[in-house]
């Protein structure tokens, strides 16, 4: 078993990991329970939590404003 702790990454790194724009990350934090942790004014992420969120379909959730009228 490895004792190496997973490092925290910033919004630029998580956006690059997912190949999306930083604005998408901020929008997902606000509207879709994107796994993030606040450190003062900054957000920090664990890529394992982000990957779990994606695998559970977090990025595919329908937003209320996307629903047909």
PDB file of N, CA and C in Angstrom:
ATOM      1  N   UNK A   1       0.850  -1.169   0.000  1.00  0.00           N
ATOM      2  CA  UNK A   1       0.000   0.000   0.000  1.00  0.00           C
ATOM      3  C   UNK A   1       0.899   1.237   0.000  1.00  0.00           C
ATOM      4  N   UNK A   2       0.499   2.249  -0.750  1.00  0.00           N
ATOM      5  CA  UNK A   2       1.287   3.467  -0.863  1.00  0.00           C
ATOM      6  C   UNK A   2       0.821   4.496   0.162  1.00  0.00           C
ATOM      7  N   UNK A   3       1.776   5.205   0.748  1.00  0.00           N
ATOM      8  CA  UNK A   3       1.454   6.260   1.708  1.00  0.00           C
ATOM      9  C   UNK A   3       1.466   7.638   1.064  1.00  0.00           C
ATOM     10  N   UNK A   4       1.489   7.683  -0.255  1.00  0.00           N
ATOM     11  CA  UNK A   4       1.524   8.955  -0.966  1.00  0.00           C
ATOM     12  C   UNK A   4       0.132   9.577  -0.943  1.00  0.00           C
ATOM     13  N   UNK A   5       0.055  10.823  -0.442  1.00  0.00           N
ATOM     14  CA  UNK A   5      -1.212  11.533  -0.429  1.00  0.00           C
ATOM     15  C   UNK A   5      -1.450  12.195  -1.770  1.00  0.00           C
ATOM     16  N   UNK A   6      -2.714  12.217  -2.161  1.00  0.00           N
ATOM     17  CA  UNK A   6      -3.088  12.895  -3.396  1.00  0.00           C
ATOM     18  C   UNK A   6      -2.946  14.403  -3.201  1.00  0.00           C
ATOM     19  N   UNK A   7      -2.373  15.088  -4.190  1.00  0.00           N
ATOM     20  CA  UNK A   7      -2.217  16.535  -4.060  1.00  0.00           C
ATOM     21  C   UNK A   7      -3.497  17.267  -4.461  1.00  0.00           C
ATOM     22  N   UNK A   8      -3.604  18.455  -3.923  1.00  0.00           N
ATOM     23  CA  UNK A   8      -4.694  19.350  -4.293  1.00  0.00           C
ATOM     24  C   UNK A   8      -4.314  20.042  -5.595  1.00  0.00           C
ATOM     25  N   UNK A   9      -5.298  20.287  -6.456  1.00  0.00           N
ATOM     26  CA  UNK A   9      -5.053  21.006  -7.711  1.00  0.00           C
ATOM     27  C   UNK A   9      -5.955  22.231  -7.758  1.00  0.00           C
ATOM     28  N   UNK A  10      -5.598  23.177  -8.619  1.00  0.00           N
ATOM     29  CA  UNK A  10      -6.393  24.403  -8.741  1.00  0.00           C
ATOM     30  C   UNK A  10      -7.350  24.299  -9.927  1.00  0.00           C
ATOM     31  N   UNK A  11      -8.113  25.345 -10.146  1.00  0.00           N
ATOM     32  CA  UNK A  11      -9.153  25.316 -11.173  1.00  0.00           C
ATOM     33  C   UNK A  11      -8.557  25.150 -12.577  1.00  0.00           C
ATOM     34  N   UNK A  12      -7.406  25.745 -12.833  1.00  0.00           N
ATOM     35  CA  UNK A  12      -6.779  25.593 -14.145  1.00  0.00           C
ATOM     36  C   UNK A  12      -6.396  24.143 -14.399  1.00  0.00           C
ATOM     37  N   UNK A  13      -5.862  23.479 -13.376  1.00  0.00           N
ATOM     38  CA  UNK A  13      -5.437  22.091 -13.532  1.00  0.00           C
ATOM     39  C   UNK A  13      -6.627  21.151 -13.704  1.00  0.00           C
ATOM     40  N   UNK A  14      -7.704  21.371 -12.956  1.00  0.00           N
ATOM     41  CA  UNK A  14      -8.864  20.494 -13.093  1.00  0.00           C
ATOM     42  C   UNK A  14      -9.548  20.734 -14.444  1.00  0.00           C
ATOM     43  N   UNK A  15      -9.573  21.976 -14.919  1.00  0.00           N
ATOM     44  CA  UNK A  15     -10.137  22.266 -16.240  1.00  0.00           C
ATOM     45  C   UNK A  15      -9.325  21.568 -17.328  1.00  0.00           C
ATOM     46  N   UNK A  16      -8.011  21.603 -17.219  1.00  0.00           N
ATOM     47  CA  UNK A  16      -7.157  20.910 -18.193  1.00  0.00           C
ATOM     48  C   UNK A  16      -7.366  19.397 -18.116  1.00  0.00           C
ATOM     49  N   UNK A  17      -7.505  18.865 -16.916  1.00  0.00           N
ATOM     50  CA  UNK A  17      -7.727  17.430 -16.714  1.00  0.00           C
ATOM     51  C   UNK A  17      -8.998  16.967 -17.424  1.00  0.00           C
ATOM     52  N   UNK A  18     -10.034  17.815 -17.400  1.00  0.00           N
ATOM     53  CA  UNK A  18     -11.316  17.465 -18.012  1.00  0.00           C
ATOM     54  C   UNK A  18     -11.468  18.014 -19.429  1.00  0.00           C
ATOM     55  N   UNK A  19     -10.482  18.757 -19.898  1.00  0.00           N
ATOM     56  CA  UNK A  19     -10.525  19.392 -21.224  1.00  0.00           C
ATOM     57  C   UNK A  19     -11.751  20.289 -21.390  1.00  0.00           C
ATOM     58  N   UNK A  20     -11.989  21.116 -20.381  1.00  0.00           N
ATOM     59  CA  UNK A  20     -13.083  22.084 -20.431  1.00  0.00           C
ATOM     60  C   UNK A  20     -12.550  23.457 -20.042  1.00  0.00           C
ATOM     61  N   UNK A  21     -13.377  24.462 -20.221  1.00  0.00           N
ATOM     62  CA  UNK A  21     -13.041  25.835 -19.865  1.00  0.00           C
ATOM     63  C   UNK A  21     -13.186  26.032 -18.354  1.00  0.00           C
ATOM     64  N   UNK A  22     -12.384  26.920 -17.784  1.00  0.00           N
ATOM     65  CA  UNK A  22     -12.492  27.236 -16.352  1.00  0.00           C
ATOM     66  C   UNK A  22     -13.898  27.699 -15.983  1.00  0.00           C
ATOM     67  N   UNK A  23     -14.555  28.420 -16.878  1.00  0.00           N
ATOM     68  CA  UNK A  23     -15.916  28.894 -16.603  1.00  0.00           C
ATOM     69  C   UNK A  23     -16.871  27.726 -16.376  1.00  0.00           C
ATOM     70  N   UNK A  24     -16.658  26.626 -17.085  1.00  0.00           N
ATOM     71  CA  UNK A  24     -17.495  25.438 -16.883  1.00  0.00           C
ATOM     72  C   UNK A  24     -17.321  24.894 -15.476  1.00  0.00           C
ATOM     73  N   UNK A  25     -16.089  24.883 -14.986  1.00  0.00           N
ATOM     74  CA  UNK A  25     -15.826  24.397 -13.633  1.00  0.00           C
ATOM     75  C   UNK A  25     -16.576  25.257 -12.612  1.00  0.00           C
ATOM     76  N   UNK A  26     -16.459  26.569 -12.735  1.00  0.00           N
ATOM     77  CA  UNK A  26     -17.151  27.464 -11.798  1.00  0.00           C
ATOM     78  C   UNK A  26     -18.672  27.289 -11.869  1.00  0.00           C
ATOM     79  N   UNK A  27     -19.201  27.102 -13.076  1.00  0.00           N
ATOM     80  CA  UNK A  27     -20.635  26.899 -13.248  1.00  0.00           C
ATOM     81  C   UNK A  27     -21.070  25.574 -12.599  1.00  0.00           C
ATOM     82  N   UNK A  28     -20.272  24.523 -12.769  1.00  0.00           N
ATOM     83  CA  UNK A  28     -20.594  23.229 -12.160  1.00  0.00           C
ATOM     84  C   UNK A  28     -20.536  23.305 -10.638  1.00  0.00           C
ATOM     85  N   UNK A  29     -19.591  24.076 -10.109  1.00  0.00           N
ATOM     86  CA  UNK A  29     -19.522  24.250  -8.652  1.00  0.00           C
ATOM     87  C   UNK A  29     -20.825  24.880  -8.164  1.00  0.00           C
ATOM     88  N   UNK A  30     -21.282  25.894  -8.868  1.00  0.00           N
ATOM     89  CA  UNK A  30     -22.469  26.639  -8.450  1.00  0.00           C
ATOM     90  C   UNK A  30     -23.760  25.851  -8.640  1.00  0.00           C
ATOM     91  N   UNK A  31     -23.888  25.123  -9.755  1.00  0.00           N
ATOM     92  CA  UNK A  31     -25.175  24.528 -10.118  1.00  0.00           C
ATOM     93  C   UNK A  31     -25.251  23.013  -9.993  1.00  0.00           C
ATOM     94  N   UNK A  32     -24.122  22.312  -9.968  1.00  0.00           N
ATOM     95  CA  UNK A  32     -24.183  20.854 -10.090  1.00  0.00           C
ATOM     96  C   UNK A  32     -23.407  20.094  -9.029  1.00  0.00           C
ATOM     97  N   UNK A  33     -23.171  20.671  -7.901  1.00  0.00           N
ATOM     98  CA  UNK A  33     -22.485  19.979  -6.800  1.00  0.00           C
ATOM     99  C   UNK A  33     -21.138  19.403  -7.210  1.00  0.00           C
ATOM    100  N   UNK A  34     -20.391  20.170  -7.977  1.00  0.00           N
ATOM    101  CA  UNK A  34     -19.041  19.741  -8.379  1.00  0.00           C
ATOM    102  C   UNK A  34     -18.169  19.640  -7.134  1.00  0.00           C
ATOM    103  N   UNK A  35     -17.407  18.546  -6.986  1.00  0.00           N
ATOM    104  CA  UNK A  35     -16.609  18.344  -5.762  1.00  0.00           C
ATOM    105  C   UNK A  35     -15.454  19.337  -5.650  1.00  0.00           C
ATOM    106  N   UNK A  36     -15.605  20.285  -4.741  1.00  0.00           N
ATOM    107  CA  UNK A  36     -14.583  21.312  -4.557  1.00  0.00           C
ATOM    108  C   UNK A  36     -14.468  21.648  -3.084  1.00  0.00           C
ATOM    109  N   UNK A  37     -13.365  22.255  -2.732  1.00  0.00           N
ATOM    110  CA  UNK A  37     -13.096  22.673  -1.361  1.00  0.00           C
ATOM    111  C   UNK A  37     -12.585  24.104  -1.417  1.00  0.00           C
ATOM    112  N   UNK A  38     -13.099  24.949  -0.521  1.00  0.00           N
ATOM    113  CA  UNK A  38     -12.649  26.339  -0.481  1.00  0.00           C
ATOM    114  C   UNK A  38     -11.419  26.458   0.393  1.00  0.00           C
ATOM    115  N   UNK A  39     -10.462  27.230  -0.073  1.00  0.00           N
ATOM    116  CA  UNK A  39      -9.275  27.599   0.709  1.00  0.00           C
ATOM    117  C   UNK A  39      -9.206  29.120   0.631  1.00  0.00           C
ATOM    118  N   UNK A  40      -9.889  29.775   1.558  1.00  0.00           N
ATOM    119  CA  UNK A  40     -10.013  31.230   1.467  1.00  0.00           C
ATOM    120  C   UNK A  40     -10.897  31.584   0.293  1.00  0.00           C
ATOM    121  N   UNK A  41     -10.368  32.372  -0.630  1.00  0.00           N
ATOM    122  CA  UNK A  41     -11.124  32.745  -1.831  1.00  0.00           C
ATOM    123  C   UNK A  41     -10.931  31.764  -2.965  1.00  0.00           C
ATOM    124  N   UNK A  42     -10.026  30.813  -2.814  1.00  0.00           N
ATOM    125  CA  UNK A  42      -9.685  29.891  -3.898  1.00  0.00           C
ATOM    126  C   UNK A  42     -10.377  28.547  -3.740  1.00  0.00           C
ATOM    127  N   UNK A  43     -10.620  27.886  -4.863  1.00  0.00           N
ATOM    128  CA  UNK A  43     -11.140  26.529  -4.848  1.00  0.00           C
ATOM    129  C   UNK A  43      -9.980  25.569  -5.074  1.00  0.00           C
ATOM    130  N   UNK A  44     -10.046  24.425  -4.400  1.00  0.00           N
ATOM    131  CA  UNK A  44      -9.073  23.357  -4.572  1.00  0.00           C
ATOM    132  C   UNK A  44      -9.835  22.063  -4.821  1.00  0.00           C
ATOM    133  N   UNK A  45      -9.188  21.153  -5.527  1.00  0.00           N
ATOM    134  CA  UNK A  45      -9.846  19.929  -5.966  1.00  0.00           C
ATOM    135  C   UNK A  45      -8.929  18.732  -5.788  1.00  0.00           C
ATOM    136  N   UNK A  46      -9.534  17.561  -5.592  1.00  0.00           N
ATOM    137  CA  UNK A  46      -8.832  16.277  -5.639  1.00  0.00           C
ATOM    138  C   UNK A  46      -9.303  15.611  -6.922  1.00  0.00           C
ATOM    139  N   UNK A  47      -8.361  15.266  -7.799  1.00  0.00           N
ATOM    140  CA  UNK A  47      -8.744  14.699  -9.092  1.00  0.00           C
ATOM    141  C   UNK A  47      -9.515  13.394  -8.940  1.00  0.00           C
ATOM    142  N   UNK A  48      -9.254  12.631  -7.889  1.00  0.00           N
ATOM    143  CA  UNK A  48     -10.005  11.383  -7.688  1.00  0.00           C
ATOM    144  C   UNK A  48     -11.485  11.690  -7.431  1.00  0.00           C
ATOM    145  N   UNK A  49     -11.779  12.753  -6.683  1.00  0.00           N
ATOM    146  CA  UNK A  49     -13.169  13.148  -6.432  1.00  0.00           C
ATOM    147  C   UNK A  49     -13.832  13.652  -7.705  1.00  0.00           C
ATOM    148  N   UNK A  50     -13.079  14.404  -8.498  1.00  0.00           N
ATOM    149  CA  UNK A  50     -13.585  14.910  -9.767  1.00  0.00           C
ATOM    150  C   UNK A  50     -13.898  13.742 -10.701  1.00  0.00           C
ATOM    151  N   UNK A  51     -12.987  12.778 -10.800  1.00  0.00           N
ATOM    152  CA  UNK A  51     -13.201  11.620 -11.669  1.00  0.00           C
ATOM    153  C   UNK A  51     -14.420  10.816 -11.218  1.00  0.00           C
ATOM    154  N   UNK A  52     -14.601  10.646  -9.915  1.00  0.00           N
ATOM    155  CA  UNK A  52     -15.775   9.943  -9.393  1.00  0.00           C
ATOM    156  C   UNK A  52     -17.059  10.671  -9.787  1.00  0.00           C
ATOM    157  N   UNK A  53     -17.047  12.009  -9.677  1.00  0.00           N
ATOM    158  CA  UNK A  53     -18.208  12.823 -10.024  1.00  0.00           C
ATOM    159  C   UNK A  53     -18.562  12.633 -11.498  1.00  0.00           C
ATOM    160  N   UNK A  54     -17.550  12.632 -12.358  1.00  0.00           N
ATOM    161  CA  UNK A  54     -17.777  12.451 -13.792  1.00  0.00           C
ATOM    162  C   UNK A  54     -18.330  11.049 -14.064  1.00  0.00           C
ATOM    163  N   UNK A  55     -17.736  10.024 -13.444  1.00  0.00           N
ATOM    164  CA  UNK A  55     -18.180   8.646 -13.654  1.00  0.00           C
ATOM    165  C   UNK A  55     -19.614   8.433 -13.195  1.00  0.00           C
ATOM    166  N   UNK A  56     -20.052   9.194 -12.210  1.00  0.00           N
ATOM    167  CA  UNK A  56     -21.425   9.094 -11.716  1.00  0.00           C
ATOM    168  C   UNK A  56     -22.398   9.938 -12.541  1.00  0.00           C
ATOM    169  N   UNK A  57     -21.906  10.557 -13.609  1.00  0.00           N
ATOM    170  CA  UNK A  57     -22.766  11.318 -14.503  1.00  0.00           C
ATOM    171  C   UNK A  57     -22.977  12.759 -14.107  1.00  0.00           C
ATOM    172  N   UNK A  58     -22.152  13.285 -13.218  1.00  0.00           N
ATOM    173  CA  UNK A  58     -22.314  14.664 -12.762  1.00  0.00           C
ATOM    174  C   UNK A  58     -22.286  15.681 -13.880  1.00  0.00           C
ATOM    175  N   UNK A  59     -21.477  15.470 -14.876  1.00  0.00           N
ATOM    176  CA  UNK A  59     -21.384  16.408 -15.986  1.00  0.00           C
ATOM    177  C   UNK A  59     -22.535  16.309 -16.955  1.00  0.00           C
ATOM    178  N   UNK A  60     -23.357  15.267 -16.816  1.00  0.00           N
ATOM    179  CA  UNK A  60     -24.470  15.058 -17.739  1.00  0.00           C
ATOM    180  C   UNK A  60     -25.809  15.475 -17.174  1.00  0.00           C
ATOM    181  N   UNK A  61     -25.823  16.012 -15.942  1.00  0.00           N
ATOM    182  CA  UNK A  61     -27.084  16.404 -15.323  1.00  0.00           C
ATOM    183  C   UNK A  61     -27.763  17.500 -16.126  1.00  0.00           C
ATOM    184  N   UNK A  62     -29.062  17.437 -16.182  1.00  0.00           N
ATOM    185  CA  UNK A  62     -29.837  18.494 -16.840  1.00  0.00           C
ATOM    186  C   UNK A  62     -30.035  19.637 -15.861  1.00  0.00           C
ATOM    187  N   UNK A  63     -29.796  20.845 -16.335  1.00  0.00           N
ATOM    188  CA  UNK A  63     -30.062  22.023 -15.521  1.00  0.00           C
ATOM    189  C   UNK A  63     -31.511  22.427 -15.710  1.00  0.00           C
ATOM    190  N   UNK A  64     -32.088  23.097 -14.720  1.00  0.00           N
ATOM    191  CA  UNK A  64     -33.479  23.536 -14.818  1.00  0.00           C
ATOM    192  C   UNK A  64     -33.680  24.406 -16.048  1.00  0.00           C
ATOM    193  N   UNK A  65     -32.705  25.282 -16.327  1.00  0.00           N
ATOM    194  CA  UNK A  65     -32.867  26.173 -17.477  1.00  0.00           C
ATOM    195  C   UNK A  65     -32.703  25.445 -18.801  1.00  0.00           C
ATOM    196  N   UNK A  66     -32.193  24.180 -18.777  1.00  0.00           N
ATOM    197  CA  UNK A  66     -32.070  23.380 -19.992  1.00  0.00           C
ATOM    198  C   UNK A  66     -33.339  22.576 -20.277  1.00  0.00           C
ATOM    199  N   UNK A  67     -34.225  22.498 -19.297  1.00  0.00           N
ATOM    200  CA  UNK A  67     -35.428  21.672 -19.453  1.00  0.00           C
ATOM    201  C   UNK A  67     -36.368  22.298 -20.484  1.00  0.00           C
ATOM    202  N   UNK A  68     -37.076  21.449 -21.250  1.00  0.00           N
ATOM    203  CA  UNK A  68     -38.040  21.982 -22.228  1.00  0.00           C
ATOM    204  C   UNK A  68     -39.171  22.719 -21.517  1.00  0.00           C
ATOM    205  N   UNK A  69     -39.672  23.718 -22.178  1.00  0.00           N
ATOM    206  CA  UNK A  69     -40.754  24.534 -21.581  1.00  0.00           C
ATOM    207  C   UNK A  69     -42.087  24.099 -22.116  1.00  0.00           C
TER     208      UNK A  69
END
